Amino acid sequence: MTKTIRLTGEYEAIVDDEDYDYITQFNWHVGNLYTSGGPYAVRIQHIPGERSGKWIGMHREILARKLGYRVPGSLVTDHIDGNGLNNTRENLRPLSLRENARYRPNQKASSKHSGIHWHKCKGKWQARISYDGKQRHIGYFDNEEEAWATYLRVAENLGLREEHALEPCSEIEEHGPQGRSS
């Protein structure tokens, strides 16, 4: 079962029953923690001797309770359904910044596939792939699906996988004992 927590304005956050009593100990409001969007449920943790406090996201608090440890700062807490106010345990998972960026919808994308875009000047679909920190040009194609098929072949040859936004296969497993929840 889930419960809602009233935030500022007309916003409400959704949490599981098992987190409700803990979460309601704090004063939560709606905020936009990141430039990538929002809204999110946040609170301010006051630090003695400091003029300003530290912003704490409800989603990070709940994910820490779910996993039994705090997620390192190198990882973000992803809302699987894209709703920053749905803080149910099944909706939260730790991801690298790179993974999270791949899952974020991009309204400006000309293709539904990662690494593929329409090259206006050439009048063709261009395939590019990021590997070892560099963008690599794969080629220009007459149709989007041909570009995507070639992208997948190149990715496979480089040891990348489609399942996790074509990241190196070892990157996901190195983050600790939390296991991936999807």
N, C-alpha and C. Protein backbone atom coordinates (compact mmCIF):
# COMPACT_ATOMS: atom_id res chain seq x y z
N MET A 1 0.85 -1.19 0.00
CA MET A 1 0.00 0.00 0.00
C MET A 1 0.89 1.24 0.00
N THR A 2 0.31 2.31 -0.51
CA THR A 2 1.05 3.57 -0.55
C THR A 2 0.26 4.67 0.18
N LYS A 3 0.99 5.71 0.54
CA LYS A 3 0.38 6.88 1.17
C LYS A 3 0.95 8.11 0.48
N THR A 4 0.23 9.22 0.62
CA THR A 4 0.71 10.47 0.05
C THR A 4 1.15 11.41 1.16
N ILE A 5 2.11 12.25 0.82
CA ILE A 5 2.62 13.25 1.74
C ILE A 5 2.43 14.60 1.08
N ARG A 6 1.73 15.48 1.75
CA ARG A 6 1.43 16.82 1.24
C ARG A 6 2.71 17.65 1.21
N LEU A 7 2.96 18.28 0.08
CA LEU A 7 4.11 19.17 -0.07
C LEU A 7 3.59 20.59 -0.26
N THR A 8 4.46 21.53 -0.54
CA THR A 8 4.01 22.90 -0.80
C THR A 8 3.21 22.95 -2.09
N GLY A 9 2.36 23.95 -2.19
CA GLY A 9 1.53 24.09 -3.39
C GLY A 9 0.52 22.96 -3.46
N GLU A 10 0.25 22.51 -4.65
CA GLU A 10 -0.71 21.43 -4.86
C GLU A 10 -0.04 20.07 -5.01
N TYR A 11 1.20 19.97 -4.63
CA TYR A 11 1.98 18.75 -4.86
C TYR A 11 1.85 17.75 -3.73
N GLU A 12 1.94 16.47 -4.09
CA GLU A 12 1.97 15.38 -3.12
C GLU A 12 3.00 14.36 -3.57
N ALA A 13 3.72 13.81 -2.62
CA ALA A 13 4.67 12.73 -2.90
C ALA A 13 4.03 11.41 -2.50
N ILE A 14 4.39 10.36 -3.23
CA ILE A 14 3.86 9.03 -2.95
C ILE A 14 4.98 8.19 -2.34
N VAL A 15 4.67 7.53 -1.21
CA VAL A 15 5.63 6.66 -0.54
C VAL A 15 4.94 5.36 -0.13
N ASP A 16 5.75 4.34 0.11
CA ASP A 16 5.22 3.08 0.63
C ASP A 16 4.89 3.24 2.11
N ASP A 17 3.94 2.43 2.59
CA ASP A 17 3.56 2.45 4.00
C ASP A 17 4.77 2.30 4.92
N GLU A 18 5.69 1.40 4.56
CA GLU A 18 6.84 1.12 5.43
C GLU A 18 7.79 2.31 5.59
N ASP A 19 7.71 3.30 4.71
CA ASP A 19 8.56 4.48 4.81
C ASP A 19 7.83 5.71 5.36
N TYR A 20 6.51 5.64 5.43
CA TYR A 20 5.70 6.80 5.78
C TYR A 20 6.07 7.40 7.14
N ASP A 21 6.13 6.60 8.20
CA ASP A 21 6.41 7.14 9.54
C ASP A 21 7.79 7.79 9.60
N TYR A 22 8.76 7.18 8.98
CA TYR A 22 10.11 7.77 8.97
C TYR A 22 10.12 9.09 8.20
N ILE A 23 9.54 9.10 7.02
CA ILE A 23 9.58 10.28 6.15
C ILE A 23 8.81 11.45 6.75
N THR A 24 7.71 11.18 7.44
CA THR A 24 6.89 12.28 7.98
C THR A 24 7.51 12.92 9.22
N GLN A 25 8.66 12.45 9.67
CA GLN A 25 9.39 13.13 10.75
C GLN A 25 9.96 14.46 10.29
N PHE A 26 10.08 14.62 8.99
CA PHE A 26 10.74 15.79 8.41
C PHE A 26 9.73 16.68 7.71
N ASN A 27 10.11 17.93 7.50
CA ASN A 27 9.28 18.91 6.81
C ASN A 27 9.69 18.91 5.33
N TRP A 28 8.85 18.38 4.47
CA TRP A 28 9.15 18.25 3.05
C TRP A 28 8.42 19.32 2.25
N HIS A 29 9.04 19.76 1.18
CA HIS A 29 8.39 20.68 0.26
C HIS A 29 8.79 20.30 -1.16
N VAL A 30 8.17 20.94 -2.13
CA VAL A 30 8.49 20.63 -3.52
C VAL A 30 9.66 21.50 -3.96
N GLY A 31 10.55 20.92 -4.69
CA GLY A 31 11.71 21.65 -5.18
C GLY A 31 12.20 21.06 -6.48
N ASN A 32 13.04 21.81 -7.14
CA ASN A 32 13.64 21.36 -8.38
C ASN A 32 15.13 21.21 -8.10
N LEU A 33 15.53 20.02 -7.65
CA LEU A 33 16.91 19.79 -7.22
C LEU A 33 17.93 19.92 -8.33
N TYR A 34 17.53 19.56 -9.53
CA TYR A 34 18.49 19.44 -10.62
C TYR A 34 18.01 20.23 -11.82
N THR A 35 18.93 20.57 -12.67
CA THR A 35 18.55 21.31 -13.88
C THR A 35 17.79 20.41 -14.85
N SER A 36 17.81 19.09 -14.60
CA SER A 36 17.16 18.16 -15.52
C SER A 36 15.65 18.11 -15.36
N GLY A 37 15.11 18.81 -14.42
CA GLY A 37 13.66 18.80 -14.30
C GLY A 37 13.21 18.63 -12.87
N GLY A 38 12.06 18.12 -12.72
CA GLY A 38 11.47 17.96 -11.41
C GLY A 38 9.98 17.91 -11.61
N PRO A 39 9.21 18.10 -10.63
CA PRO A 39 9.57 18.45 -9.27
C PRO A 39 9.97 17.22 -8.46
N TYR A 40 10.60 17.49 -7.32
CA TYR A 40 11.01 16.46 -6.37
C TYR A 40 10.59 16.88 -4.97
N ALA A 41 10.46 15.91 -4.08
CA ALA A 41 10.20 16.20 -2.67
C ALA A 41 11.55 16.38 -2.00
N VAL A 42 11.74 17.54 -1.35
CA VAL A 42 13.04 17.85 -0.75
C VAL A 42 12.85 18.43 0.65
N ARG A 43 13.92 18.38 1.42
CA ARG A 43 13.97 19.04 2.71
C ARG A 43 15.35 19.66 2.85
N ILE A 44 15.49 20.53 3.81
CA ILE A 44 16.79 21.16 4.06
C ILE A 44 17.30 20.63 5.40
N GLN A 45 18.50 20.11 5.38
CA GLN A 45 19.15 19.67 6.61
C GLN A 45 20.07 20.80 7.06
N HIS A 46 19.75 21.38 8.19
CA HIS A 46 20.53 22.50 8.69
C HIS A 46 21.85 22.01 9.26
N ILE A 47 22.91 22.73 8.95
CA ILE A 47 24.25 22.37 9.40
C ILE A 47 24.68 23.42 10.42
N PRO A 48 24.99 23.02 11.66
CA PRO A 48 25.39 23.98 12.69
C PRO A 48 26.57 24.85 12.23
N GLY A 49 26.44 26.15 12.46
CA GLY A 49 27.50 27.09 12.09
C GLY A 49 27.47 27.52 10.64
N GLU A 50 26.57 26.97 9.84
CA GLU A 50 26.47 27.33 8.42
C GLU A 50 25.22 28.18 8.21
N ARG A 51 25.31 29.13 7.28
CA ARG A 51 24.15 29.97 6.96
C ARG A 51 23.10 29.20 6.17
N SER A 52 23.56 28.34 5.30
CA SER A 52 22.61 27.57 4.49
C SER A 52 22.73 26.10 4.83
N GLY A 53 21.71 25.36 4.48
CA GLY A 53 21.70 23.93 4.78
C GLY A 53 21.98 23.10 3.54
N LYS A 54 21.84 21.82 3.70
CA LYS A 54 22.06 20.86 2.63
C LYS A 54 20.71 20.35 2.15
N TRP A 55 20.50 20.35 0.83
CA TRP A 55 19.26 19.83 0.26
C TRP A 55 19.29 18.32 0.29
N ILE A 56 18.22 17.71 0.78
CA ILE A 56 18.10 16.26 0.84
C ILE A 56 16.86 15.86 0.04
N GLY A 57 17.04 14.95 -0.89
CA GLY A 57 15.91 14.46 -1.69
C GLY A 57 15.25 13.27 -1.01
N MET A 58 13.93 13.28 -0.96
CA MET A 58 13.18 12.19 -0.36
C MET A 58 13.53 10.87 -1.06
N HIS A 59 13.71 10.91 -2.36
CA HIS A 59 14.01 9.70 -3.11
C HIS A 59 15.33 9.06 -2.66
N ARG A 60 16.32 9.87 -2.31
CA ARG A 60 17.60 9.32 -1.84
C ARG A 60 17.46 8.71 -0.44
N GLU A 61 16.64 9.34 0.40
CA GLU A 61 16.39 8.80 1.74
C GLU A 61 15.72 7.42 1.64
N ILE A 62 14.73 7.32 0.78
CA ILE A 62 13.98 6.07 0.65
C ILE A 62 14.83 4.99 0.00
N LEU A 63 15.61 5.35 -1.01
CA LEU A 63 16.48 4.35 -1.64
C LEU A 63 17.50 3.81 -0.64
N ALA A 64 18.02 4.68 0.22
CA ALA A 64 18.97 4.23 1.25
C ALA A 64 18.30 3.24 2.20
N ARG A 65 17.05 3.50 2.55
CA ARG A 65 16.31 2.57 3.42
C ARG A 65 16.07 1.25 2.70
N LYS A 66 15.76 1.31 1.42
CA LYS A 66 15.51 0.10 0.62
C LYS A 66 16.77 -0.76 0.54
N LEU A 67 17.91 -0.13 0.25
CA LEU A 67 19.15 -0.87 0.03
C LEU A 67 19.87 -1.23 1.33
N GLY A 68 19.62 -0.45 2.39
CA GLY A 68 20.31 -0.67 3.65
C GLY A 68 21.61 0.11 3.75
N TYR A 69 21.89 0.96 2.80
CA TYR A 69 23.07 1.83 2.84
C TYR A 69 22.83 3.03 1.92
N ARG A 70 23.55 4.10 2.19
CA ARG A 70 23.43 5.30 1.36
C ARG A 70 24.11 5.08 0.02
N VAL A 71 23.45 5.51 -1.03
CA VAL A 71 24.00 5.39 -2.38
C VAL A 71 25.15 6.39 -2.51
N PRO A 72 26.30 5.97 -3.02
CA PRO A 72 27.43 6.89 -3.16
C PRO A 72 27.08 8.07 -4.06
N GLY A 73 27.76 9.18 -3.85
CA GLY A 73 27.51 10.39 -4.64
C GLY A 73 27.77 10.22 -6.12
N SER A 74 28.51 9.17 -6.49
CA SER A 74 28.78 8.93 -7.91
C SER A 74 27.56 8.36 -8.64
N LEU A 75 26.53 7.97 -7.88
CA LEU A 75 25.31 7.43 -8.47
C LEU A 75 24.14 8.35 -8.18
N VAL A 76 23.14 8.31 -9.04
CA VAL A 76 21.92 9.07 -8.82
C VAL A 76 20.78 8.11 -8.54
N THR A 77 19.71 8.64 -7.97
CA THR A 77 18.52 7.85 -7.73
C THR A 77 17.56 8.11 -8.87
N ASP A 78 17.28 7.07 -9.63
CA ASP A 78 16.42 7.17 -10.80
C ASP A 78 14.98 6.82 -10.42
N HIS A 79 14.05 7.64 -10.91
CA HIS A 79 12.62 7.33 -10.80
C HIS A 79 12.26 6.59 -12.09
N ILE A 80 12.01 5.31 -12.00
CA ILE A 80 11.81 4.48 -13.18
C ILE A 80 10.69 5.01 -14.06
N ASP A 81 9.59 5.47 -13.45
CA ASP A 81 8.46 5.97 -14.25
C ASP A 81 8.61 7.44 -14.66
N GLY A 82 9.71 8.08 -14.26
CA GLY A 82 9.95 9.47 -14.64
C GLY A 82 9.25 10.50 -13.77
N ASN A 83 8.45 10.05 -12.81
CA ASN A 83 7.73 10.95 -11.91
C ASN A 83 8.57 11.17 -10.66
N GLY A 84 9.14 12.36 -10.52
CA GLY A 84 10.00 12.69 -9.39
C GLY A 84 9.31 12.70 -8.04
N LEU A 85 7.99 12.60 -8.02
CA LEU A 85 7.24 12.57 -6.76
C LEU A 85 6.77 11.17 -6.39
N ASN A 86 7.00 10.19 -7.27
CA ASN A 86 6.66 8.80 -6.97
C ASN A 86 7.88 8.15 -6.31
N ASN A 87 7.90 8.17 -4.98
CA ASN A 87 9.03 7.67 -4.22
C ASN A 87 8.77 6.31 -3.60
N THR A 88 8.00 5.48 -4.29
CA THR A 88 7.80 4.11 -3.84
C THR A 88 9.09 3.33 -4.11
N ARG A 89 9.36 2.36 -3.29
CA ARG A 89 10.60 1.59 -3.40
C ARG A 89 10.76 0.93 -4.76
N GLU A 90 9.68 0.39 -5.30
CA GLU A 90 9.79 -0.30 -6.59
C GLU A 90 10.07 0.67 -7.74
N ASN A 91 9.87 1.96 -7.52
CA ASN A 91 10.10 2.97 -8.56
C ASN A 91 11.49 3.60 -8.49
N LEU A 92 12.28 3.23 -7.50
CA LEU A 92 13.60 3.85 -7.32
C LEU A 92 14.72 2.85 -7.55
N ARG A 93 15.77 3.31 -8.23
CA ARG A 93 16.95 2.47 -8.45
C ARG A 93 18.18 3.35 -8.60
N PRO A 94 19.35 2.85 -8.21
CA PRO A 94 20.58 3.62 -8.39
C PRO A 94 21.10 3.44 -9.81
N LEU A 95 21.53 4.56 -10.41
CA LEU A 95 22.13 4.52 -11.75
C LEU A 95 23.33 5.45 -11.79
N SER A 96 24.22 5.21 -12.72
CA SER A 96 25.29 6.16 -12.97
C SER A 96 24.67 7.37 -13.67
N LEU A 97 25.36 8.49 -13.65
CA LEU A 97 24.87 9.68 -14.36
C LEU A 97 24.68 9.38 -15.84
N ARG A 98 25.59 8.60 -16.38
CA ARG A 98 25.52 8.27 -17.80
C ARG A 98 24.27 7.46 -18.12
N GLU A 99 24.00 6.44 -17.30
CA GLU A 99 22.80 5.63 -17.51
C GLU A 99 21.54 6.49 -17.39
N ASN A 100 21.50 7.30 -16.35
CA ASN A 100 20.32 8.12 -16.10
C ASN A 100 20.05 9.07 -17.26
N ALA A 101 21.09 9.63 -17.84
CA ALA A 101 20.92 10.52 -18.99
C ALA A 101 20.33 9.78 -20.18
N ARG A 102 20.67 8.52 -20.33
CA ARG A 102 20.14 7.72 -21.44
C ARG A 102 18.65 7.45 -21.27
N TYR A 103 18.21 7.29 -20.02
CA TYR A 103 16.79 7.01 -19.77
C TYR A 103 15.93 8.27 -19.81
N ARG A 104 16.54 9.44 -19.67
CA ARG A 104 15.79 10.69 -19.65
C ARG A 104 15.23 10.96 -21.05
N PRO A 105 13.95 11.28 -21.16
CA PRO A 105 13.40 11.58 -22.48
C PRO A 105 14.02 12.85 -23.05
N ASN A 106 14.26 12.83 -24.33
CA ASN A 106 14.85 13.98 -25.01
C ASN A 106 13.88 14.47 -26.07
N GLN A 107 13.22 15.57 -25.79
CA GLN A 107 12.23 16.09 -26.73
C GLN A 107 12.87 16.60 -28.03
N LYS A 108 14.16 16.90 -27.99
CA LYS A 108 14.82 17.44 -29.18
C LYS A 108 15.38 16.36 -30.09
N ALA A 109 15.33 15.12 -29.68
CA ALA A 109 15.92 14.04 -30.46
C ALA A 109 15.17 13.86 -31.77
N SER A 110 15.93 13.68 -32.84
CA SER A 110 15.29 13.45 -34.14
C SER A 110 15.04 11.97 -34.37
N SER A 111 15.66 11.11 -33.57
CA SER A 111 15.48 9.66 -33.70
C SER A 111 15.02 9.08 -32.38
N LYS A 112 14.34 7.96 -32.47
CA LYS A 112 13.94 7.26 -31.26
C LYS A 112 15.08 6.42 -30.70
N HIS A 113 16.19 6.34 -31.42
CA HIS A 113 17.33 5.52 -31.02
C HIS A 113 18.50 6.37 -30.55
N SER A 114 19.16 5.89 -29.52
CA SER A 114 20.37 6.53 -29.01
C SER A 114 21.47 6.44 -30.07
N GLY A 115 22.21 7.53 -30.27
CA GLY A 115 23.33 7.51 -31.20
C GLY A 115 22.97 7.77 -32.65
N ILE A 116 21.69 7.96 -32.92
CA ILE A 116 21.22 8.19 -34.30
C ILE A 116 20.55 9.55 -34.37
N HIS A 117 20.90 10.34 -35.37
CA HIS A 117 20.19 11.61 -35.57
C HIS A 117 20.16 11.98 -37.05
N TRP A 118 19.24 12.85 -37.39
CA TRP A 118 19.08 13.31 -38.77
C TRP A 118 20.11 14.40 -39.04
N HIS A 119 20.93 14.19 -40.05
CA HIS A 119 21.94 15.17 -40.43
C HIS A 119 21.34 16.03 -41.53
N LYS A 120 20.95 17.24 -41.17
CA LYS A 120 20.20 18.13 -42.06
C LYS A 120 20.96 18.44 -43.36
N CYS A 121 22.23 18.78 -43.25
CA CYS A 121 23.02 19.16 -44.43
C CYS A 121 23.20 18.00 -45.40
N LYS A 122 23.42 16.82 -44.90
CA LYS A 122 23.64 15.64 -45.76
C LYS A 122 22.32 15.02 -46.21
N GLY A 123 21.24 15.31 -45.48
CA GLY A 123 19.95 14.71 -45.82
C GLY A 123 19.94 13.21 -45.57
N LYS A 124 20.68 12.78 -44.54
CA LYS A 124 20.77 11.35 -44.22
C LYS A 124 20.78 11.18 -42.70
N TRP A 125 20.59 9.94 -42.27
CA TRP A 125 20.68 9.59 -40.86
C TRP A 125 22.13 9.32 -40.52
N GLN A 126 22.62 9.94 -39.44
CA GLN A 126 24.00 9.74 -39.01
C GLN A 126 24.01 8.88 -37.75
N ALA A 127 24.94 7.92 -37.73
CA ALA A 127 25.15 7.09 -36.54
C ALA A 127 26.49 7.47 -35.93
N ARG A 128 26.46 7.71 -34.60
CA ARG A 128 27.68 7.99 -33.84
C ARG A 128 27.60 7.21 -32.54
N ILE A 129 28.76 6.88 -32.00
CA ILE A 129 28.80 6.14 -30.75
C ILE A 129 29.87 6.72 -29.84
N SER A 130 29.60 6.74 -28.55
CA SER A 130 30.59 7.18 -27.56
C SER A 130 31.31 5.95 -27.03
N TYR A 131 32.63 6.01 -27.05
CA TYR A 131 33.44 4.91 -26.55
C TYR A 131 34.76 5.46 -26.07
N ASP A 132 35.20 5.04 -24.90
CA ASP A 132 36.45 5.54 -24.30
C ASP A 132 36.45 7.07 -24.21
N GLY A 133 35.30 7.64 -23.92
CA GLY A 133 35.20 9.09 -23.73
C GLY A 133 35.22 9.91 -25.01
N LYS A 134 35.12 9.26 -26.16
CA LYS A 134 35.16 9.98 -27.44
C LYS A 134 33.96 9.62 -28.29
N GLN A 135 33.45 10.60 -29.03
CA GLN A 135 32.40 10.37 -30.01
C GLN A 135 33.05 9.83 -31.27
N ARG A 136 32.52 8.73 -31.80
CA ARG A 136 33.07 8.14 -33.02
C ARG A 136 31.98 8.09 -34.08
N HIS A 137 32.32 8.58 -35.25
CA HIS A 137 31.40 8.58 -36.39
C HIS A 137 31.33 7.18 -36.97
N ILE A 138 30.11 6.67 -37.16
CA ILE A 138 29.93 5.35 -37.76
C ILE A 138 29.63 5.49 -39.25
N GLY A 139 28.73 6.40 -39.59
CA GLY A 139 28.41 6.58 -41.00
C GLY A 139 27.09 7.29 -41.21
N TYR A 140 26.77 7.54 -42.50
CA TYR A 140 25.51 8.14 -42.91
C TYR A 140 24.68 7.08 -43.61
N PHE A 141 23.35 7.13 -43.39
CA PHE A 141 22.48 6.08 -43.90
C PHE A 141 21.21 6.69 -44.48
N ASP A 142 20.63 5.97 -45.44
CA ASP A 142 19.41 6.46 -46.09
C ASP A 142 18.19 6.35 -45.18
N ASN A 143 18.20 5.39 -44.25
CA ASN A 143 17.05 5.29 -43.35
C ASN A 143 17.51 5.05 -41.91
N GLU A 144 16.63 5.40 -40.99
CA GLU A 144 16.92 5.36 -39.56
C GLU A 144 17.20 3.93 -39.07
N GLU A 145 16.44 2.96 -39.55
CA GLU A 145 16.61 1.58 -39.08
C GLU A 145 17.94 0.98 -39.54
N GLU A 146 18.39 1.33 -40.73
CA GLU A 146 19.69 0.87 -41.21
C GLU A 146 20.81 1.46 -40.34
N ALA A 147 20.68 2.74 -39.99
CA ALA A 147 21.66 3.39 -39.12
C ALA A 147 21.68 2.71 -37.75
N TRP A 148 20.50 2.39 -37.21
CA TRP A 148 20.41 1.75 -35.90
C TRP A 148 21.00 0.35 -35.93
N ALA A 149 20.71 -0.42 -36.97
CA ALA A 149 21.25 -1.78 -37.08
C ALA A 149 22.78 -1.74 -37.12
N THR A 150 23.33 -0.80 -37.85
CA THR A 150 24.79 -0.66 -37.93
C THR A 150 25.35 -0.24 -36.58
N TYR A 151 24.68 0.70 -35.92
CA TYR A 151 25.09 1.15 -34.58
C TYR A 151 25.17 -0.04 -33.62
N LEU A 152 24.16 -0.90 -33.63
CA LEU A 152 24.13 -2.06 -32.73
C LEU A 152 25.27 -3.03 -33.04
N ARG A 153 25.57 -3.23 -34.34
CA ARG A 153 26.69 -4.12 -34.71
C ARG A 153 28.01 -3.55 -34.20
N VAL A 154 28.21 -2.25 -34.37
CA VAL A 154 29.45 -1.61 -33.90
C VAL A 154 29.54 -1.70 -32.38
N ALA A 155 28.42 -1.42 -31.70
CA ALA A 155 28.39 -1.50 -30.24
C ALA A 155 28.74 -2.89 -29.75
N GLU A 156 28.19 -3.89 -30.39
CA GLU A 156 28.48 -5.28 -30.01
C GLU A 156 29.96 -5.59 -30.22
N ASN A 157 30.53 -5.14 -31.32
CA ASN A 157 31.96 -5.37 -31.59
C ASN A 157 32.85 -4.68 -30.55
N LEU A 158 32.35 -3.57 -29.97
CA LEU A 158 33.11 -2.85 -28.95
C LEU A 158 32.89 -3.41 -27.54
N GLY A 159 32.01 -4.41 -27.43
CA GLY A 159 31.73 -5.01 -26.12
C GLY A 159 30.73 -4.23 -25.31
N LEU A 160 29.88 -3.47 -25.97
CA LEU A 160 28.83 -2.70 -25.29
C LEU A 160 27.53 -3.46 -25.44
N ARG A 161 26.54 -3.11 -24.59
CA ARG A 161 25.27 -3.80 -24.67
C ARG A 161 24.11 -2.83 -24.70
N GLU A 162 23.10 -3.17 -25.47
CA GLU A 162 21.91 -2.33 -25.64
C GLU A 162 21.12 -2.21 -24.35
N GLU A 163 21.05 -3.26 -23.56
CA GLU A 163 20.22 -3.32 -22.36
C GLU A 163 20.46 -2.17 -21.39
N HIS A 164 21.69 -1.72 -21.26
CA HIS A 164 22.01 -0.63 -20.35
C HIS A 164 22.59 0.54 -21.12
N ALA A 165 21.85 0.98 -22.11
CA ALA A 165 22.23 2.14 -22.91
C ALA A 165 23.63 1.96 -23.49
N LEU A 166 23.97 0.74 -23.79
CA LEU A 166 25.24 0.40 -24.45
C LEU A 166 26.45 0.83 -23.66
N GLU A 167 26.38 0.69 -22.35
CA GLU A 167 27.55 0.97 -21.51
C GLU A 167 28.43 -0.27 -21.46
N PRO A 168 29.70 -0.11 -21.11
CA PRO A 168 30.55 -1.29 -20.97
C PRO A 168 29.90 -2.28 -19.99
N CYS A 169 29.95 -3.54 -20.31
CA CYS A 169 29.24 -4.57 -19.55
C CYS A 169 29.63 -4.61 -18.08
N SER A 170 30.84 -4.27 -17.71
CA SER A 170 31.27 -4.38 -16.32
C SER A 170 30.81 -3.21 -15.46
N GLU A 171 30.43 -2.10 -16.04
CA GLU A 171 30.15 -0.89 -15.26
C GLU A 171 28.99 -1.05 -14.29
N ILE A 172 27.93 -1.71 -14.68
CA ILE A 172 26.75 -1.83 -13.83
C ILE A 172 27.05 -2.68 -12.59
N GLU A 173 27.72 -3.79 -12.76
CA GLU A 173 27.95 -4.70 -11.67
C GLU A 173 28.93 -4.18 -10.64
N GLU A 174 29.73 -3.17 -10.95
CA GLU A 174 30.74 -2.68 -10.04
C GLU A 174 30.20 -1.79 -8.92
N HIS A 175 28.91 -1.50 -8.89
CA HIS A 175 28.38 -0.52 -7.94
C HIS A 175 28.04 -1.08 -6.59
N GLY A 176 28.29 -2.33 -6.32
CA GLY A 176 28.06 -2.83 -4.97
C GLY A 176 26.96 -3.86 -4.89
N PRO A 177 26.60 -4.20 -3.69
CA PRO A 177 25.69 -5.33 -3.45
C PRO A 177 24.22 -5.01 -3.65
N GLN A 178 23.87 -3.80 -4.09
CA GLN A 178 22.46 -3.44 -4.13
C GLN A 178 21.66 -4.23 -5.14
N GLY A 179 22.29 -4.75 -6.18
CA GLY A 179 21.52 -5.43 -7.21
C GLY A 179 20.65 -4.44 -7.93
N ARG A 180 20.32 -4.69 -9.15
CA ARG A 180 19.52 -3.76 -9.93
C ARG A 180 18.06 -4.13 -9.77
N SER A 181 17.23 -3.16 -9.43
CA SER A 181 15.80 -3.42 -9.39
C SER A 181 15.17 -2.67 -10.53
N SER A 182 14.39 -3.34 -11.28
CA SER A 182 13.73 -2.71 -12.42
C SER A 182 12.25 -2.89 -12.32
